[in-house]
Protein backbone atom coordinates (compact mmCIF):
# COMPACT_ATOMS: atom_id res chain seq x y z
CA MET A 1 -162.82 -21.08 -61.03
CA LEU A 2 -162.65 -18.98 -57.86
CA SER A 3 -159.53 -20.81 -56.67
CA PHE A 4 -157.81 -20.18 -60.01
CA ARG A 5 -158.69 -16.49 -59.80
CA LEU A 6 -157.31 -16.24 -56.27
CA GLN A 7 -154.11 -17.95 -57.34
CA ASP A 8 -153.77 -15.58 -60.29
CA GLU A 9 -154.31 -12.53 -58.04
CA ARG A 10 -151.73 -13.82 -55.54
CA SER A 11 -149.23 -14.41 -58.32
CA PHE A 12 -149.90 -10.93 -59.66
CA LEU A 13 -149.39 -9.33 -56.23
CA ARG A 14 -146.21 -11.34 -55.63
CA GLY A 15 -144.94 -10.18 -58.99
CA ARG A 16 -145.66 -6.54 -58.15
CA ARG A 17 -143.87 -6.89 -54.81
CA TRP A 18 -140.79 -8.37 -56.46
CA LEU A 19 -140.86 -5.64 -59.10
CA TRP A 20 -141.16 -2.96 -56.41
CA ARG A 21 -138.26 -4.46 -54.47
CA GLY A 22 -136.19 -4.54 -57.62
CA TRP A 23 -136.85 -0.88 -58.36
CA MET A 24 -136.06 0.12 -54.78
CA THR A 25 -132.78 -1.85 -54.87
CA LEU A 26 -131.80 -0.13 -58.09
CA LEU A 27 -132.80 3.28 -56.75
CA SER A 28 -130.80 2.71 -53.58
CA ALA A 29 -127.79 1.72 -55.63
CA LEU A 30 -128.05 4.95 -57.59
CA ILE A 31 -128.70 7.23 -54.60
CA TRP A 32 -126.34 5.79 -52.00
CA PRO A 33 -123.05 6.75 -53.68
CA ALA A 34 -124.26 10.33 -54.14
CA SER A 35 -125.49 10.62 -50.56
CA GLY A 36 -122.32 8.96 -49.28
CA LEU A 37 -120.18 11.45 -51.16
CA ALA A 38 -122.33 14.30 -49.84
CA GLN A 39 -121.80 13.07 -46.29
CA MET A 40 -118.05 12.75 -46.81
CA LYS A 41 -117.74 16.19 -48.46
CA PRO A 42 -116.53 18.73 -45.87
CA ALA A 43 -118.84 21.62 -45.07
CA ALA A 44 -117.93 24.95 -46.68
CA GLU A 45 -115.96 27.30 -44.47
CA PRO A 46 -117.97 30.28 -43.19
CA ALA A 47 -117.38 33.50 -45.11
CA LYS A 48 -115.28 36.03 -43.18
CA VAL A 49 -117.15 39.32 -42.82
CA ILE A 50 -116.68 42.69 -41.16
CA ILE A 51 -119.84 44.74 -40.57
CA ASP A 52 -119.65 48.54 -40.73
CA THR A 53 -122.80 49.99 -39.17
CA ASP A 54 -124.46 53.15 -37.90
CA ILE A 55 -126.53 51.14 -35.44
CA GLY A 56 -128.84 53.12 -33.17
CA ASP A 57 -130.59 55.53 -35.52
CA ASP A 58 -132.96 53.48 -37.65
CA VAL A 59 -133.69 50.07 -36.15
CA ASP A 60 -132.90 48.03 -39.25
CA ASP A 61 -129.18 47.86 -38.37
CA VAL A 62 -129.84 45.75 -35.30
CA TYR A 63 -131.99 43.35 -37.33
CA ALA A 64 -129.16 43.09 -39.86
CA ILE A 65 -126.68 42.22 -37.13
CA ALA A 66 -129.18 39.79 -35.59
CA LEU A 67 -129.40 37.95 -38.91
CA ALA A 68 -125.61 37.79 -39.13
CA LEU A 69 -125.33 36.49 -35.55
CA THR A 70 -127.76 33.65 -36.28
CA SER A 71 -126.17 32.57 -39.58
CA PRO A 72 -123.49 29.85 -39.48
CA GLU A 73 -122.56 30.75 -43.07
CA LEU A 74 -120.82 33.88 -41.73
CA LYS A 75 -117.81 34.29 -39.47
CA ILE A 76 -117.99 37.82 -38.09
CA VAL A 77 -114.36 38.93 -37.83
CA GLY A 78 -115.39 42.21 -36.23
CA ILE A 79 -117.83 45.12 -36.27
CA THR A 80 -116.98 48.80 -36.75
CA SER A 81 -119.22 51.68 -35.75
CA ALA A 82 -119.85 54.42 -38.30
CA TRP A 83 -121.09 58.03 -38.47
CA GLY A 84 -121.99 60.52 -35.76
CA ASP A 85 -121.37 59.45 -32.15
CA THR A 86 -119.41 56.32 -33.00
CA ALA A 87 -118.37 55.76 -29.36
CA LEU A 88 -122.02 55.42 -28.32
CA ARG A 89 -122.68 53.13 -31.26
CA THR A 90 -119.75 50.99 -30.11
CA ARG A 91 -121.30 50.80 -26.66
CA MET A 92 -124.61 49.68 -28.14
CA LEU A 93 -122.87 46.98 -30.17
CA ASP A 94 -121.01 45.89 -27.07
CA ARG A 95 -124.22 45.45 -25.12
CA LEU A 96 -125.90 43.53 -27.96
CA LEU A 97 -122.97 41.12 -28.18
CA CYS A 98 -122.80 40.82 -24.41
CA GLU A 99 -126.45 39.83 -24.15
CA THR A 100 -126.19 37.30 -26.96
CA GLY A 101 -123.00 35.67 -25.69
CA ARG A 102 -120.80 36.60 -28.65
CA ASP A 103 -117.61 37.52 -26.79
CA ASP A 104 -115.63 36.28 -29.76
CA ILE A 105 -116.54 39.33 -31.89
CA PRO A 106 -114.44 42.47 -31.39
CA VAL A 107 -116.01 45.91 -31.75
CA HIS A 108 -114.01 48.90 -33.00
CA THR A 109 -114.95 52.55 -33.05
CA GLY A 110 -115.01 54.24 -36.43
CA VAL A 111 -114.47 57.83 -37.48
CA ALA A 112 -116.65 60.19 -35.42
CA THR A 113 -118.39 63.01 -37.27
CA ASN A 114 -120.09 66.22 -36.24
CA ALA A 115 -123.39 65.05 -37.68
CA LYS A 116 -126.21 64.76 -35.16
CA PRO A 117 -128.44 61.96 -36.47
CA GLN A 118 -131.39 60.89 -34.35
CA PHE A 119 -130.03 58.17 -32.07
CA SER A 120 -133.42 56.62 -31.44
CA GLN A 121 -132.12 53.77 -29.27
CA SER A 122 -129.75 55.74 -27.04
CA ALA A 123 -131.46 54.75 -23.78
CA TRP A 124 -130.78 51.06 -24.41
CA ALA A 125 -127.25 51.78 -25.64
CA ASN A 126 -126.40 53.88 -22.57
CA ARG A 127 -127.45 51.13 -20.20
CA GLY A 128 -124.93 48.61 -21.47
CA ILE A 129 -121.86 47.26 -19.70
CA ALA A 130 -118.55 46.45 -21.37
CA ARG A 131 -117.68 42.81 -21.98
CA GLY A 132 -113.99 43.63 -21.78
CA ASN A 133 -113.82 43.12 -25.55
CA MET A 134 -114.93 46.58 -26.61
CA ASP A 135 -112.16 48.48 -28.36
CA VAL A 136 -112.34 52.22 -28.78
CA ALA A 137 -109.23 52.09 -30.97
CA ASP A 138 -109.29 53.06 -34.62
CA GLY A 139 -111.86 51.04 -36.56
CA VAL A 140 -110.22 52.02 -39.85
CA ASP A 141 -106.89 50.54 -38.76
CA PHE A 142 -108.72 47.39 -37.67
CA LEU A 143 -110.39 47.09 -41.06
CA LEU A 144 -107.13 47.49 -42.99
CA ASP A 145 -105.27 45.15 -40.63
CA GLN A 146 -107.80 42.37 -41.15
CA ILE A 147 -107.83 42.83 -44.93
CA GLY A 148 -104.04 42.64 -44.96
CA LYS A 149 -104.02 39.47 -42.87
CA ASN A 150 -106.76 37.84 -44.98
CA PRO A 151 -106.21 39.03 -48.57
CA GLY A 152 -109.08 38.15 -50.89
CA GLU A 153 -111.11 36.63 -48.03
CA ILE A 154 -112.94 39.48 -46.25
CA THR A 155 -116.43 40.56 -47.24
CA LEU A 156 -117.19 44.04 -45.94
CA ILE A 157 -120.90 44.46 -45.21
CA ALA A 158 -121.49 48.21 -45.31
CA ILE A 159 -124.83 49.30 -43.81
CA GLY A 160 -124.18 52.91 -42.86
CA PRO A 161 -122.68 56.09 -44.31
CA LEU A 162 -119.34 55.23 -45.92
CA THR A 163 -117.00 57.48 -43.90
CA ASN A 164 -114.88 54.62 -42.50
CA ILE A 165 -114.55 53.16 -45.98
CA GLY A 166 -113.47 56.45 -47.51
CA ALA A 167 -110.91 56.85 -44.72
CA ALA A 168 -109.57 53.34 -45.33
CA ILE A 169 -109.14 54.06 -49.05
CA ASP A 170 -107.32 57.31 -48.24
CA ARG A 171 -105.09 55.58 -45.72
CA ASP A 172 -104.12 52.52 -47.76
CA SER A 173 -105.90 51.99 -51.08
CA VAL A 174 -103.63 49.09 -52.03
CA THR A 175 -104.63 47.07 -48.98
CA PHE A 176 -108.29 48.09 -49.36
CA ARG A 177 -108.34 46.58 -52.85
CA LYS A 178 -107.49 43.21 -51.28
CA LEU A 179 -111.07 42.93 -50.03
CA LYS A 180 -112.96 40.03 -51.51
CA ARG A 181 -116.00 42.29 -52.02
CA VAL A 182 -118.20 44.96 -50.49
CA VAL A 183 -121.86 44.07 -49.96
CA MET A 184 -123.66 47.31 -49.23
CA MET A 185 -127.07 48.73 -48.53
CA GLY A 186 -127.10 52.05 -50.26
CA GLY A 187 -128.14 54.05 -53.29
CA SER A 188 -131.23 54.37 -55.42
CA VAL A 189 -131.22 53.48 -59.10
CA TYR A 190 -134.82 53.73 -60.35
CA ARG A 191 -136.95 53.68 -57.18
CA GLY A 192 -136.67 56.12 -54.32
CA TYR A 193 -138.05 56.26 -50.80
CA ASP A 194 -141.68 55.20 -50.29
CA ASP A 195 -141.71 53.36 -53.63
CA PRO A 196 -141.90 49.66 -52.73
CA GLY A 197 -142.25 48.50 -56.31
CA TYR A 198 -145.92 47.87 -56.93
CA VAL A 199 -146.35 50.63 -59.51
CA PRO A 200 -144.02 52.10 -62.15
CA PRO A 201 -141.05 53.89 -60.53
CA HIS A 202 -141.62 57.45 -59.34
CA ALA A 203 -137.99 58.65 -59.33
CA PRO A 204 -134.75 57.79 -57.55
CA SER A 205 -133.69 59.46 -54.29
CA ALA A 206 -130.42 60.60 -52.81
CA GLU A 207 -130.29 57.65 -50.40
CA TYR A 208 -129.06 58.36 -46.85
CA ASN A 209 -125.99 56.10 -46.66
CA ILE A 210 -124.63 57.61 -49.87
CA ALA A 211 -125.72 61.22 -49.37
CA MET A 212 -124.25 61.59 -45.87
CA ASP A 213 -120.71 61.21 -47.22
CA VAL A 214 -120.68 61.67 -50.98
CA PRO A 215 -116.86 61.83 -51.37
CA ALA A 216 -116.48 58.51 -49.53
CA ALA A 217 -119.12 56.89 -51.75
CA GLN A 218 -117.39 58.19 -54.86
CA LYS A 219 -114.09 56.72 -53.68
CA LEU A 220 -115.70 53.33 -53.09
CA PHE A 221 -117.31 53.12 -56.54
CA ARG A 222 -113.98 54.08 -58.14
CA SER A 223 -111.88 51.74 -55.99
CA GLY A 224 -111.99 48.66 -58.21
CA VAL A 225 -113.23 46.45 -55.36
CA PRO A 226 -116.18 44.20 -56.35
CA ILE A 227 -119.37 45.90 -55.14
CA PHE A 228 -122.70 44.20 -54.59
CA MET A 229 -125.27 46.93 -54.09
CA MET A 230 -128.67 46.62 -52.43
CA PRO A 231 -130.37 49.99 -53.19
CA LEU A 232 -133.80 51.34 -52.26
CA ASP A 233 -135.14 49.51 -55.33
CA SER A 234 -134.86 46.17 -53.48
CA THR A 235 -134.72 46.94 -49.75
CA GLN A 236 -138.01 48.55 -48.70
CA LEU A 237 -139.28 45.46 -46.89
CA LYS A 238 -141.71 45.97 -44.02
CA LEU A 239 -141.57 44.08 -40.74
CA ASP A 240 -145.33 44.05 -40.37
CA GLU A 241 -147.46 43.50 -37.29
CA VAL A 242 -147.83 39.76 -37.90
CA LYS A 243 -144.07 39.23 -38.01
CA ARG A 244 -143.50 41.43 -34.96
CA ALA A 245 -146.09 39.36 -33.08
CA LEU A 246 -144.21 36.20 -34.04
CA LEU A 247 -141.02 37.63 -32.57
CA GLY A 248 -142.96 38.49 -29.42
CA SER A 249 -144.01 34.86 -29.05
CA VAL A 250 -140.40 33.71 -28.57
CA SER A 251 -138.61 35.23 -25.59
CA THR A 252 -134.83 34.97 -26.00
CA ALA A 253 -132.06 37.45 -25.27
CA LEU A 254 -131.98 38.42 -28.93
CA THR A 255 -135.72 38.67 -29.62
CA ASP A 256 -136.28 40.58 -26.38
CA ALA A 257 -133.60 43.08 -27.39
CA LEU A 258 -135.09 43.42 -30.88
CA LEU A 259 -138.55 44.18 -29.53
CA VAL A 260 -137.33 46.69 -26.94
CA LEU A 261 -135.21 48.47 -29.55
CA THR A 262 -138.11 48.50 -32.00
CA ALA A 263 -140.30 50.09 -29.30
CA GLU A 264 -137.64 52.73 -28.56
CA TRP A 265 -137.33 53.49 -32.27
CA ASP A 266 -141.13 53.75 -32.58
CA ARG A 267 -141.36 56.20 -29.66
CA ALA A 268 -138.63 58.37 -31.18
CA THR A 269 -139.84 58.32 -34.79
CA HIS A 270 -143.58 57.50 -34.59
CA GLN A 271 -143.20 55.15 -37.57
CA VAL A 272 -144.50 51.91 -35.94
CA THR A 273 -143.53 49.53 -38.76
CA PRO A 274 -139.79 49.16 -39.41
CA THR A 275 -138.43 48.98 -42.95
CA LEU A 276 -135.65 46.39 -43.06
CA PHE A 277 -133.29 48.03 -45.54
CA ASP A 278 -129.98 46.86 -44.07
CA PRO A 279 -130.75 43.17 -43.46
CA VAL A 280 -131.10 42.70 -47.23
CA ALA A 281 -127.34 43.20 -47.55
CA VAL A 282 -126.66 40.57 -44.89
CA ALA A 283 -129.13 38.20 -46.55
CA TYR A 284 -127.28 38.60 -49.83
CA ALA A 285 -123.95 37.80 -48.15
CA ILE A 286 -125.52 34.59 -46.82
CA ARG A 287 -127.61 33.55 -49.81
CA PRO A 288 -126.96 35.48 -53.06
CA GLU A 289 -130.04 34.05 -54.76
CA SER A 290 -132.14 35.99 -52.23
CA CYS A 291 -131.58 39.14 -54.32
CA PRO A 292 -130.40 38.50 -57.93
CA VAL A 293 -128.06 41.18 -59.24
CA THR A 294 -127.48 42.98 -62.55
CA PRO A 295 -124.06 44.33 -63.64
CA MET A 296 -124.15 48.14 -63.95
CA HIS A 297 -121.82 51.12 -64.02
CA ILE A 298 -122.81 53.42 -61.16
CA GLU A 299 -121.64 56.99 -60.77
CA VAL A 300 -122.25 58.96 -57.57
CA ASP A 301 -123.04 62.60 -58.30
CA GLU A 302 -122.39 65.56 -56.01
CA LYS A 303 -125.87 65.35 -54.47
CA GLY A 304 -125.59 61.68 -53.57
CA PHE A 305 -127.64 60.20 -56.40
CA THR A 306 -126.36 56.88 -57.73
CA ARG A 307 -126.73 57.20 -61.51
CA PRO A 308 -126.56 54.25 -63.91
CA VAL A 309 -124.40 55.30 -66.86
CA GLU A 310 -122.66 53.72 -69.83
CA GLY A 311 -119.38 52.03 -69.09
CA ALA A 312 -117.78 48.88 -67.79
CA PRO A 313 -119.72 47.54 -64.77
CA ASN A 314 -118.33 48.62 -61.41
CA ALA A 315 -121.18 47.14 -59.35
CA ARG A 316 -123.70 44.34 -59.34
CA VAL A 317 -127.05 45.74 -58.31
CA CYS A 318 -130.22 44.06 -57.00
CA LEU A 319 -133.10 45.97 -58.60
CA GLU A 320 -136.17 43.99 -57.49
CA GLN A 321 -137.52 43.21 -54.04
CA GLN A 322 -137.58 39.52 -53.16
CA THR A 323 -139.88 39.73 -50.17
CA ASP A 324 -140.72 36.05 -49.72
CA ALA A 325 -137.13 34.86 -50.16
CA PHE A 326 -135.91 37.43 -47.66
CA PHE A 327 -138.41 36.73 -44.89
CA HIS A 328 -138.14 32.97 -45.37
CA LEU A 329 -134.46 33.42 -44.54
CA LEU A 330 -134.78 35.96 -41.73
CA MET A 331 -137.76 34.83 -39.68
CA PRO A 332 -136.88 31.16 -39.05
CA ARG A 333 -133.41 32.15 -37.90
CA LEU A 334 -134.67 34.74 -35.43
CA LEU A 335 -137.44 32.46 -34.15
CA THR A 336 -135.34 29.32 -33.62
CA GLN A 337 -132.07 30.76 -32.24
CA ARG A 338 -131.35 30.53 -28.53
CA LEU A 339 -128.52 33.03 -28.13
CA ALA A 340 -127.93 33.99 -24.52
CA GLY A 341 -125.16 35.82 -22.72
CA ASN A 342 -124.31 37.54 -19.47
CA LYS A 343 -127.46 38.93 -17.85
CA VAL A 344 -125.43 41.61 -16.01
CA CYS A 345 -125.54 43.50 -19.31
CA THR A 346 -129.13 44.52 -18.58
CA VAL A 347 -128.65 45.91 -15.06
CA ALA A 348 -125.66 48.20 -15.40
CA GLU A 349 -125.86 51.83 -14.39
CA PRO A 350 -126.61 54.13 -17.31
CA HIS A 351 -123.52 55.43 -19.06
CA ALA A 352 -123.16 59.19 -19.25
CA PRO A 353 -123.93 60.34 -22.80
């Protein structure tokens, strides 16, 4: 009886093995064509972007540019400096690109203004050295030239006051409308400053990037260009102590620069924990699902408030913070990159302000 039982068990196990092999063969037959097609399918071309930034005041601009530099989904056609001392901002951009080895990215100086914002990272900016690729020529001309050469292809990532954009519309509105889209950090629809979204909204604010140049903002929202708007409602994301410690555990040219600039910003503002407003716009340009949008008609009033009103949508607006999605995109890219450039950038004589 025992021998019969053993034979039955062996037959049963052999049967299960043959059944398992059959299922695996069938599964492989179903999966292989799909995976083969996926391997043969060419990778999507990187999106062409121009970044317009007031880098050097708040520290979130440099984190936004850091995310763009570490994202193969984006081809940075150029960067323009915006608002206030745009020449010094250009110098800061030049040093950042020098240290991270991105000599392929041109920097152009935008429209200077008489405003005196707090340039919290001026010491680092002044100590830079030119790569030979810095261009103090007109950033507005550069923007229009690139749009004209790449109609329907350029995404403009706007993370500062909109003076350069207003000037571009004034100079050549027809060419400006050939932008693919504008992805911007700016505005406040329901939630204002210091309202991260855990309680019912207090009230909207006149957000800085809009309020500093209201006429330019009004021109943009009336331009007809597709606008994807990341307002205060969705951008008050804190780079907390744990995440800053993680960045400190990886010493690269980029992470070292980020930590030094964060320390300079902290000394100037006494805020300690940065709010990463601007990187949300870059994250959206990379991965739109990181901040789902709602079609709205936005009007900019004379005080710089961005009011939702009745009418055909002129913007798609992200109204809810997506903290986990954002940091799961940002942190791995900053922690695993190994960007490195010319170390002479760090030992140049300070530039006269």
